[in-house]
Amino acid sequence: MTTKKAPVSPETCCCQVDAVVTVDSRGQLVLPKELRDKAAIKDGDKFAVISYRSGTEVCCIFLVRADYFSKTIQGALGPMMKEIMQ
């Protein structure tokens, strides 16, 4: 039995390229204002930087809001930690 997949469209896809940025000589990059506004990023916000390796090379780098990342990890590890501590 073959299932037919729905076509991917901008309305159903969760990932998209919002900007292409350049790293400067100090290793810094700037997120464009339009992206910062769209993502409600403000001065002082913290992000977890997560890398993905393909073999020995890092091919992808993700930014995840630190508070969201913390909640996600807590949600995943919390029940396991309760079991361990019993």
PDB file of N, CA and C in Angstrom:
ATOM      1  N   MET A   1       0.839  -1.172   0.000  1.00  0.00           N
ATOM      2  CA  MET A   1       0.000   0.000   0.000  1.00  0.00           C
ATOM      3  C   MET A   1       0.887   1.240   0.000  1.00  0.00           C
ATOM      4  N   THR A   2       0.663   2.136  -0.926  1.00  0.00           N
ATOM      5  CA  THR A   2       1.443   3.356  -1.039  1.00  0.00           C
ATOM      6  C   THR A   2       0.621   4.532  -0.541  1.00  0.00           C
ATOM      7  N   THR A   3       1.222   5.324   0.320  1.00  0.00           N
ATOM      8  CA  THR A   3       0.524   6.527   0.781  1.00  0.00           C
ATOM      9  C   THR A   3       1.018   7.710  -0.017  1.00  0.00           C
ATOM     10  N   LYS A   4       0.105   8.574  -0.359  1.00  0.00           N
ATOM     11  CA  LYS A   4       0.434   9.743  -1.146  1.00  0.00           C
ATOM     12  C   LYS A   4       0.740  10.891  -0.191  1.00  0.00           C
ATOM     13  N   LYS A   5       1.894  11.514  -0.374  1.00  0.00           N
ATOM     14  CA  LYS A   5       2.282  12.622   0.475  1.00  0.00           C
ATOM     15  C   LYS A   5       1.694  13.920  -0.068  1.00  0.00           C
ATOM     16  N   ALA A   6       1.296  14.778   0.857  1.00  0.00           N
ATOM     17  CA  ALA A   6       0.796  16.095   0.451  1.00  0.00           C
ATOM     18  C   ALA A   6       1.961  16.908  -0.087  1.00  0.00           C
ATOM     19  N   PRO A   7       1.706  17.734  -1.105  1.00  0.00           N
ATOM     20  CA  PRO A   7       2.797  18.551  -1.632  1.00  0.00           C
ATOM     21  C   PRO A   7       3.273  19.552  -0.579  1.00  0.00           C
ATOM     22  N   VAL A   8       4.564  19.824  -0.599  1.00  0.00           N
ATOM     23  CA  VAL A   8       5.125  20.798   0.340  1.00  0.00           C
ATOM     24  C   VAL A   8       4.907  22.187  -0.236  1.00  0.00           C
ATOM     25  N   SER A   9       4.338  23.036   0.571  1.00  0.00           N
ATOM     26  CA  SER A   9       4.119  24.419   0.158  1.00  0.00           C
ATOM     27  C   SER A   9       4.578  25.333   1.277  1.00  0.00           C
ATOM     28  N   PRO A  10       4.768  26.621   1.003  1.00  0.00           N
ATOM     29  CA  PRO A  10       5.183  27.537   2.073  1.00  0.00           C
ATOM     30  C   PRO A  10       4.214  27.538   3.253  1.00  0.00           C
ATOM     31  N   GLU A  11       2.956  27.221   3.019  1.00  0.00           N
ATOM     32  CA  GLU A  11       1.971  27.211   4.099  1.00  0.00           C
ATOM     33  C   GLU A  11       2.130  25.997   5.017  1.00  0.00           C
ATOM     34  N   THR A  12       2.653  24.880   4.491  1.00  0.00           N
ATOM     35  CA  THR A  12       2.763  23.662   5.293  1.00  0.00           C
ATOM     36  C   THR A  12       4.182  23.383   5.760  1.00  0.00           C
ATOM     37  N   CYS A  13       5.165  24.025   5.175  1.00  0.00           N
ATOM     38  CA  CYS A  13       6.567  23.788   5.543  1.00  0.00           C
ATOM     39  C   CYS A  13       6.934  24.649   6.749  1.00  0.00           C
ATOM     40  N   CYS A  14       7.640  24.047   7.692  1.00  0.00           N
ATOM     41  CA  CYS A  14       8.018  24.793   8.894  1.00  0.00           C
ATOM     42  C   CYS A  14       9.377  25.475   8.745  1.00  0.00           C
ATOM     43  N   CYS A  15      10.156  25.122   7.763  1.00  0.00           N
ATOM     44  CA  CYS A  15      11.492  25.689   7.595  1.00  0.00           C
ATOM     45  C   CYS A  15      11.590  26.458   6.293  1.00  0.00           C
ATOM     46  N   GLN A  16      12.332  27.547   6.351  1.00  0.00           N
ATOM     47  CA  GLN A  16      12.536  28.330   5.139  1.00  0.00           C
ATOM     48  C   GLN A  16      13.806  29.149   5.311  1.00  0.00           C
ATOM     49  N   VAL A  17      14.362  29.614   4.212  1.00  0.00           N
ATOM     50  CA  VAL A  17      15.520  30.498   4.266  1.00  0.00           C
ATOM     51  C   VAL A  17      14.989  31.918   4.394  1.00  0.00           C
ATOM     52  N   ASP A  18      15.302  32.569   5.510  1.00  0.00           N
ATOM     53  CA  ASP A  18      14.845  33.937   5.736  1.00  0.00           C
ATOM     54  C   ASP A  18      15.910  34.960   5.382  1.00  0.00           C
ATOM     55  N   ALA A  19      17.167  34.568   5.403  1.00  0.00           N
ATOM     56  CA  ALA A  19      18.245  35.516   5.111  1.00  0.00           C
ATOM     57  C   ALA A  19      19.531  34.746   4.847  1.00  0.00           C
ATOM     58  N   VAL A  20      20.420  35.382   4.150  1.00  0.00           N
ATOM     59  CA  VAL A  20      21.783  34.895   3.991  1.00  0.00           C
ATOM     60  C   VAL A  20      22.650  35.971   4.627  1.00  0.00           C
ATOM     61  N   VAL A  21      23.480  35.573   5.596  1.00  0.00           N
ATOM     62  CA  VAL A  21      24.295  36.548   6.324  1.00  0.00           C
ATOM     63  C   VAL A  21      25.769  36.228   6.133  1.00  0.00           C
ATOM     64  N   THR A  22      26.616  37.208   6.401  1.00  0.00           N
ATOM     65  CA  THR A  22      28.055  37.066   6.242  1.00  0.00           C
ATOM     66  C   THR A  22      28.729  37.196   7.597  1.00  0.00           C
ATOM     67  N   VAL A  23      29.710  36.353   7.849  1.00  0.00           N
ATOM     68  CA  VAL A  23      30.502  36.438   9.067  1.00  0.00           C
ATOM     69  C   VAL A  23      31.608  37.461   8.827  1.00  0.00           C
ATOM     70  N   ASP A  24      31.767  38.411   9.781  1.00  0.00           N
ATOM     71  CA  ASP A  24      32.803  39.432   9.608  1.00  0.00           C
ATOM     72  C   ASP A  24      34.140  38.945  10.158  1.00  0.00           C
ATOM     73  N   SER A  25      35.155  39.795  10.096  1.00  0.00           N
ATOM     74  CA  SER A  25      36.513  39.406  10.496  1.00  0.00           C
ATOM     75  C   SER A  25      36.615  39.085  11.980  1.00  0.00           C
ATOM     76  N   ARG A  26      35.662  39.538  12.792  1.00  0.00           N
ATOM     77  CA  ARG A  26      35.671  39.222  14.230  1.00  0.00           C
ATOM     78  C   ARG A  26      34.840  37.980  14.537  1.00  0.00           C
ATOM     79  N   GLY A  27      34.299  37.309  13.510  1.00  0.00           N
ATOM     80  CA  GLY A  27      33.509  36.098  13.712  1.00  0.00           C
ATOM     81  C   GLY A  27      32.060  36.384  14.040  1.00  0.00           C
ATOM     82  N   GLN A  28      31.623  37.602  13.851  1.00  0.00           N
ATOM     83  CA  GLN A  28      30.250  37.988  14.166  1.00  0.00           C
ATOM     84  C   GLN A  28      29.401  38.009  12.912  1.00  0.00           C
ATOM     85  N   LEU A  29      28.103  37.821  13.116  1.00  0.00           N
ATOM     86  CA  LEU A  29      27.162  37.976  12.018  1.00  0.00           C
ATOM     87  C   LEU A  29      25.981  38.787  12.526  1.00  0.00           C
ATOM     88  N   VAL A  30      25.281  39.424  11.616  1.00  0.00           N
ATOM     89  CA  VAL A  30      24.139  40.259  11.970  1.00  0.00           C
ATOM     90  C   VAL A  30      22.882  39.639  11.380  1.00  0.00           C
ATOM     91  N   LEU A  31      21.875  39.456  12.229  1.00  0.00           N
ATOM     92  CA  LEU A  31      20.572  39.018  11.735  1.00  0.00           C
ATOM     93  C   LEU A  31      19.831  40.260  11.248  1.00  0.00           C
ATOM     94  N   PRO A  32      19.315  40.236  10.034  1.00  0.00           N
ATOM     95  CA  PRO A  32      18.625  41.412   9.512  1.00  0.00           C
ATOM     96  C   PRO A  32      17.448  41.828  10.401  1.00  0.00           C
ATOM     97  N   LYS A  33      17.192  43.119  10.439  1.00  0.00           N
ATOM     98  CA  LYS A  33      16.135  43.674  11.279  1.00  0.00           C
ATOM     99  C   LYS A  33      14.789  43.018  10.992  1.00  0.00           C
ATOM    100  N   GLU A  34      14.480  42.772   9.729  1.00  0.00           N
ATOM    101  CA  GLU A  34      13.195  42.162   9.370  1.00  0.00           C
ATOM    102  C   GLU A  34      13.049  40.787  10.035  1.00  0.00           C
ATOM    103  N   LEU A  35      14.144  40.024  10.072  1.00  0.00           N
ATOM    104  CA  LEU A  35      14.123  38.700  10.698  1.00  0.00           C
ATOM    105  C   LEU A  35      13.999  38.828  12.211  1.00  0.00           C
ATOM    106  N   ARG A  36      14.748  39.770  12.794  1.00  0.00           N
ATOM    107  CA  ARG A  36      14.651  39.979  14.244  1.00  0.00           C
ATOM    108  C   ARG A  36      13.235  40.390  14.639  1.00  0.00           C
ATOM    109  N   ASP A  37      12.626  41.246  13.844  1.00  0.00           N
ATOM    110  CA  ASP A  37      11.240  41.660  14.124  1.00  0.00           C
ATOM    111  C   ASP A  37      10.287  40.473  13.997  1.00  0.00           C
ATOM    112  N   LYS A  38      10.436  39.720  12.925  1.00  0.00           N
ATOM    113  CA  LYS A  38       9.569  38.566  12.659  1.00  0.00           C
ATOM    114  C   LYS A  38       9.669  37.530  13.777  1.00  0.00           C
ATOM    115  N   ALA A  39      10.885  37.334  14.314  1.00  0.00           N
ATOM    116  CA  ALA A  39      11.108  36.331  15.358  1.00  0.00           C
ATOM    117  C   ALA A  39      11.036  36.935  16.760  1.00  0.00           C
ATOM    118  N   ALA A  40      10.710  38.203  16.854  1.00  0.00           N
ATOM    119  CA  ALA A  40      10.621  38.911  18.143  1.00  0.00           C
ATOM    120  C   ALA A  40      11.909  38.775  18.946  1.00  0.00           C
ATOM    121  N   ILE A  41      13.041  38.924  18.258  1.00  0.00           N
ATOM    122  CA  ILE A  41      14.353  38.860  18.911  1.00  0.00           C
ATOM    123  C   ILE A  41      14.711  40.269  19.359  1.00  0.00           C
ATOM    124  N   LYS A  42      15.080  40.371  20.643  1.00  0.00           N
ATOM    125  CA  LYS A  42      15.456  41.680  21.163  1.00  0.00           C
ATOM    126  C   LYS A  42      16.812  41.607  21.857  1.00  0.00           C
ATOM    127  N   ASP A  43      17.366  42.762  22.130  1.00  0.00           N
ATOM    128  CA  ASP A  43      18.659  42.875  22.784  1.00  0.00           C
ATOM    129  C   ASP A  43      18.679  42.056  24.071  1.00  0.00           C
ATOM    130  N   GLY A  44      19.705  41.235  24.234  1.00  0.00           N
ATOM    131  CA  GLY A  44      19.853  40.434  25.438  1.00  0.00           C
ATOM    132  C   GLY A  44      19.272  39.038  25.355  1.00  0.00           C
ATOM    133  N   ASP A  45      18.497  38.726  24.312  1.00  0.00           N
ATOM    134  CA  ASP A  45      17.957  37.372  24.165  1.00  0.00           C
ATOM    135  C   ASP A  45      19.109  36.379  24.044  1.00  0.00           C
ATOM    136  N   LYS A  46      18.920  35.193  24.592  1.00  0.00           N
ATOM    137  CA  LYS A  46      19.951  34.163  24.568  1.00  0.00           C
ATOM    138  C   LYS A  46      19.496  32.996  23.693  1.00  0.00           C
ATOM    139  N   PHE A  47      20.461  32.405  22.996  1.00  0.00           N
ATOM    140  CA  PHE A  47      20.190  31.278  22.109  1.00  0.00           C
ATOM    141  C   PHE A  47      21.182  30.163  22.359  1.00  0.00           C
ATOM    142  N   ALA A  48      20.720  28.932  22.287  1.00  0.00           N
ATOM    143  CA  ALA A  48      21.595  27.767  22.280  1.00  0.00           C
ATOM    144  C   ALA A  48      22.051  27.583  20.829  1.00  0.00           C
ATOM    145  N   VAL A  49      23.337  27.342  20.648  1.00  0.00           N
ATOM    146  CA  VAL A  49      23.887  27.109  19.310  1.00  0.00           C
ATOM    147  C   VAL A  49      24.125  25.614  19.193  1.00  0.00           C
ATOM    148  N   ILE A  50      23.453  25.001  18.235  1.00  0.00           N
ATOM    149  CA  ILE A  50      23.504  23.548  18.063  1.00  0.00           C
ATOM    150  C   ILE A  50      24.090  23.248  16.688  1.00  0.00           C
ATOM    151  N   SER A  51      25.094  22.384  16.652  1.00  0.00           N
ATOM    152  CA  SER A  51      25.700  22.036  15.368  1.00  0.00           C
ATOM    153  C   SER A  51      25.332  20.610  14.988  1.00  0.00           C
ATOM    154  N   TYR A  52      25.294  20.368  13.692  1.00  0.00           N
ATOM    155  CA  TYR A  52      25.009  19.046  13.145  1.00  0.00           C
ATOM    156  C   TYR A  52      26.197  18.656  12.274  1.00  0.00           C
ATOM    157  N   ARG A  53      26.707  17.471  12.501  1.00  0.00           N
ATOM    158  CA  ARG A  53      27.868  17.004  11.738  1.00  0.00           C
ATOM    159  C   ARG A  53      27.447  16.010  10.656  1.00  0.00           C
ATOM    160  N   SER A  54      28.114  16.141   9.546  1.00  0.00           N
ATOM    161  CA  SER A  54      28.017  15.156   8.478  1.00  0.00           C
ATOM    162  C   SER A  54      29.419  14.584   8.353  1.00  0.00           C
ATOM    163  N   GLY A  55      29.603  13.404   8.904  1.00  0.00           N
ATOM    164  CA  GLY A  55      30.954  12.849   8.978  1.00  0.00           C
ATOM    165  C   GLY A  55      31.739  13.634   9.999  1.00  0.00           C
ATOM    166  N   THR A  56      32.850  14.220   9.572  1.00  0.00           N
ATOM    167  CA  THR A  56      33.669  15.005  10.494  1.00  0.00           C
ATOM    168  C   THR A  56      33.446  16.506  10.347  1.00  0.00           C
ATOM    169  N   GLU A  57      32.641  16.917   9.374  1.00  0.00           N
ATOM    170  CA  GLU A  57      32.423  18.345   9.129  1.00  0.00           C
ATOM    171  C   GLU A  57      31.099  18.816   9.709  1.00  0.00           C
ATOM    172  N   VAL A  58      31.117  20.009  10.275  1.00  0.00           N
ATOM    173  CA  VAL A  58      29.867  20.643  10.707  1.00  0.00           C
ATOM    174  C   VAL A  58      29.233  21.229   9.459  1.00  0.00           C
ATOM    175  N   CYS A  59      28.015  20.780   9.160  1.00  0.00           N
ATOM    176  CA  CYS A  59      27.355  21.267   7.946  1.00  0.00           C
ATOM    177  C   CYS A  59      26.185  22.198   8.264  1.00  0.00           C
ATOM    178  N   CYS A  60      25.643  22.116   9.480  1.00  0.00           N
ATOM    179  CA  CYS A  60      24.497  22.938   9.835  1.00  0.00           C
ATOM    180  C   CYS A  60      24.663  23.481  11.243  1.00  0.00           C
ATOM    181  N   ILE A  61      24.232  24.703  11.442  1.00  0.00           N
ATOM    182  CA  ILE A  61      24.232  25.323  12.757  1.00  0.00           C
ATOM    183  C   ILE A  61      22.836  25.881  12.985  1.00  0.00           C
ATOM    184  N   PHE A  62      22.252  25.530  14.124  1.00  0.00           N
ATOM    185  CA  PHE A  62      20.903  25.973  14.461  1.00  0.00           C
ATOM    186  C   PHE A  62      20.956  26.894  15.666  1.00  0.00           C
ATOM    187  N   LEU A  63      20.099  27.883  15.687  1.00  0.00           N
ATOM    188  CA  LEU A  63      19.920  28.735  16.855  1.00  0.00           C
ATOM    189  C   LEU A  63      18.561  28.428  17.450  1.00  0.00           C
ATOM    190  N   VAL A  64      18.534  28.130  18.743  1.00  0.00           N
ATOM    191  CA  VAL A  64      17.276  27.831  19.429  1.00  0.00           C
ATOM    192  C   VAL A  64      17.216  28.737  20.647  1.00  0.00           C
ATOM    193  N   ARG A  65      16.086  29.411  20.834  1.00  0.00           N
ATOM    194  CA  ARG A  65      15.948  30.269  22.011  1.00  0.00           C
ATOM    195  C   ARG A  65      16.309  29.457  23.251  1.00  0.00           C
ATOM    196  N   ALA A  66      17.147  30.028  24.104  1.00  0.00           N
ATOM    197  CA  ALA A  66      17.637  29.304  25.281  1.00  0.00           C
ATOM    198  C   ALA A  66      16.499  28.882  26.189  1.00  0.00           C
ATOM    199  N   ASP A  67      15.497  29.740  26.382  1.00  0.00           N
ATOM    200  CA  ASP A  67      14.390  29.369  27.273  1.00  0.00           C
ATOM    201  C   ASP A  67      13.561  28.237  26.677  1.00  0.00           C
ATOM    202  N   TYR A  68      13.366  28.226  25.363  1.00  0.00           N
ATOM    203  CA  TYR A  68      12.632  27.144  24.709  1.00  0.00           C
ATOM    204  C   TYR A  68      13.432  25.856  24.783  1.00  0.00           C
ATOM    205  N   PHE A  69      14.736  25.959  24.541  1.00  0.00           N
ATOM    206  CA  PHE A  69      15.613  24.799  24.595  1.00  0.00           C
ATOM    207  C   PHE A  69      15.602  24.202  25.992  1.00  0.00           C
ATOM    208  N   SER A  70      15.677  25.068  26.982  1.00  0.00           N
ATOM    209  CA  SER A  70      15.658  24.622  28.385  1.00  0.00           C
ATOM    210  C   SER A  70      14.358  23.885  28.699  1.00  0.00           C
ATOM    211  N   LYS A  71      13.223  24.441  28.260  1.00  0.00           N
ATOM    212  CA  LYS A  71      11.922  23.803  28.505  1.00  0.00           C
ATOM    213  C   LYS A  71      11.839  22.455  27.797  1.00  0.00           C
ATOM    214  N   THR A  72      12.366  22.394  26.580  1.00  0.00           N
ATOM    215  CA  THR A  72      12.325  21.155  25.801  1.00  0.00           C
ATOM    216  C   THR A  72      13.150  20.072  26.484  1.00  0.00           C
ATOM    217  N   ILE A  73      14.354  20.434  26.914  1.00  0.00           N
ATOM    218  CA  ILE A  73      15.222  19.471  27.587  1.00  0.00           C
ATOM    219  C   ILE A  73      14.603  19.048  28.913  1.00  0.00           C
ATOM    220  N   GLN A  74      14.063  20.012  29.653  1.00  0.00           N
ATOM    221  CA  GLN A  74      13.431  19.709  30.935  1.00  0.00           C
ATOM    222  C   GLN A  74      12.247  18.770  30.724  1.00  0.00           C
ATOM    223  N   GLY A  75      11.454  19.026  29.680  1.00  0.00           N
ATOM    224  CA  GLY A  75      10.307  18.171  29.386  1.00  0.00           C
ATOM    225  C   GLY A  75      10.722  16.765  29.019  1.00  0.00           C
ATOM    226  N   ALA A  76      11.832  16.647  28.293  1.00  0.00           N
ATOM    227  CA  ALA A  76      12.295  15.332  27.864  1.00  0.00           C
ATOM    228  C   ALA A  76      13.000  14.586  28.991  1.00  0.00           C
ATOM    229  N   LEU A  77      13.824  15.302  29.753  1.00  0.00           N
ATOM    230  CA  LEU A  77      14.623  14.644  30.776  1.00  0.00           C
ATOM    231  C   LEU A  77      13.937  14.580  32.139  1.00  0.00           C
ATOM    232  N   GLY A  78      12.980  15.472  32.384  1.00  0.00           N
ATOM    233  CA  GLY A  78      12.318  15.513  33.675  1.00  0.00           C
ATOM    234  C   GLY A  78      11.742  14.178  34.122  1.00  0.00           C
ATOM    235  N   PRO A  79      10.895  13.543  33.308  1.00  0.00           N
ATOM    236  CA  PRO A  79      10.334  12.246  33.703  1.00  0.00           C
ATOM    237  C   PRO A  79      11.412  11.182  33.911  1.00  0.00           C
ATOM    238  N   MET A  80      12.449  11.193  33.077  1.00  0.00           N
ATOM    239  CA  MET A  80      13.522  10.218  33.221  1.00  0.00           C
ATOM    240  C   MET A  80      14.278  10.454  34.533  1.00  0.00           C
ATOM    241  N   MET A  81      14.523  11.729  34.869  1.00  0.00           N
ATOM    242  CA  MET A  81      15.234  12.045  36.110  1.00  0.00           C
ATOM    243  C   MET A  81      14.417  11.616  37.332  1.00  0.00           C
ATOM    244  N   LYS A  82      13.088  11.769  37.256  1.00  0.00           N
ATOM    245  CA  LYS A  82      12.232  11.331  38.362  1.00  0.00           C
ATOM    246  C   LYS A  82      12.389   9.840  38.585  1.00  0.00           C
ATOM    247  N   GLU A  83      12.415   9.057  37.494  1.00  0.00           N
ATOM    248  CA  GLU A  83      12.578   7.605  37.606  1.00  0.00           C
ATOM    249  C   GLU A  83      13.933   7.259  38.204  1.00  0.00           C
ATOM    250  N   ILE A  84      14.966   7.951  37.775  1.00  0.00           N
ATOM    251  CA  ILE A  84      16.309   7.676  38.275  1.00  0.00           C
ATOM    252  C   ILE A  84      16.407   7.981  39.761  1.00  0.00           C
ATOM    253  N   MET A  85      15.765   9.074  40.187  1.00  0.00           N
ATOM    254  CA  MET A  85      15.874   9.521  41.577  1.00  0.00           C
ATOM    255  C   MET A  85      15.032   8.681  42.542  1.00  0.00           C
ATOM    256  N   GLN A  86      14.157   7.846  42.032  1.00  0.00           N
ATOM    257  CA  GLN A  86      13.301   7.020  42.922  1.00  0.00           C
ATOM    258  C   GLN A  86      14.046   5.836  43.457  1.00  0.00           C
TER     259      GLN A  86
END
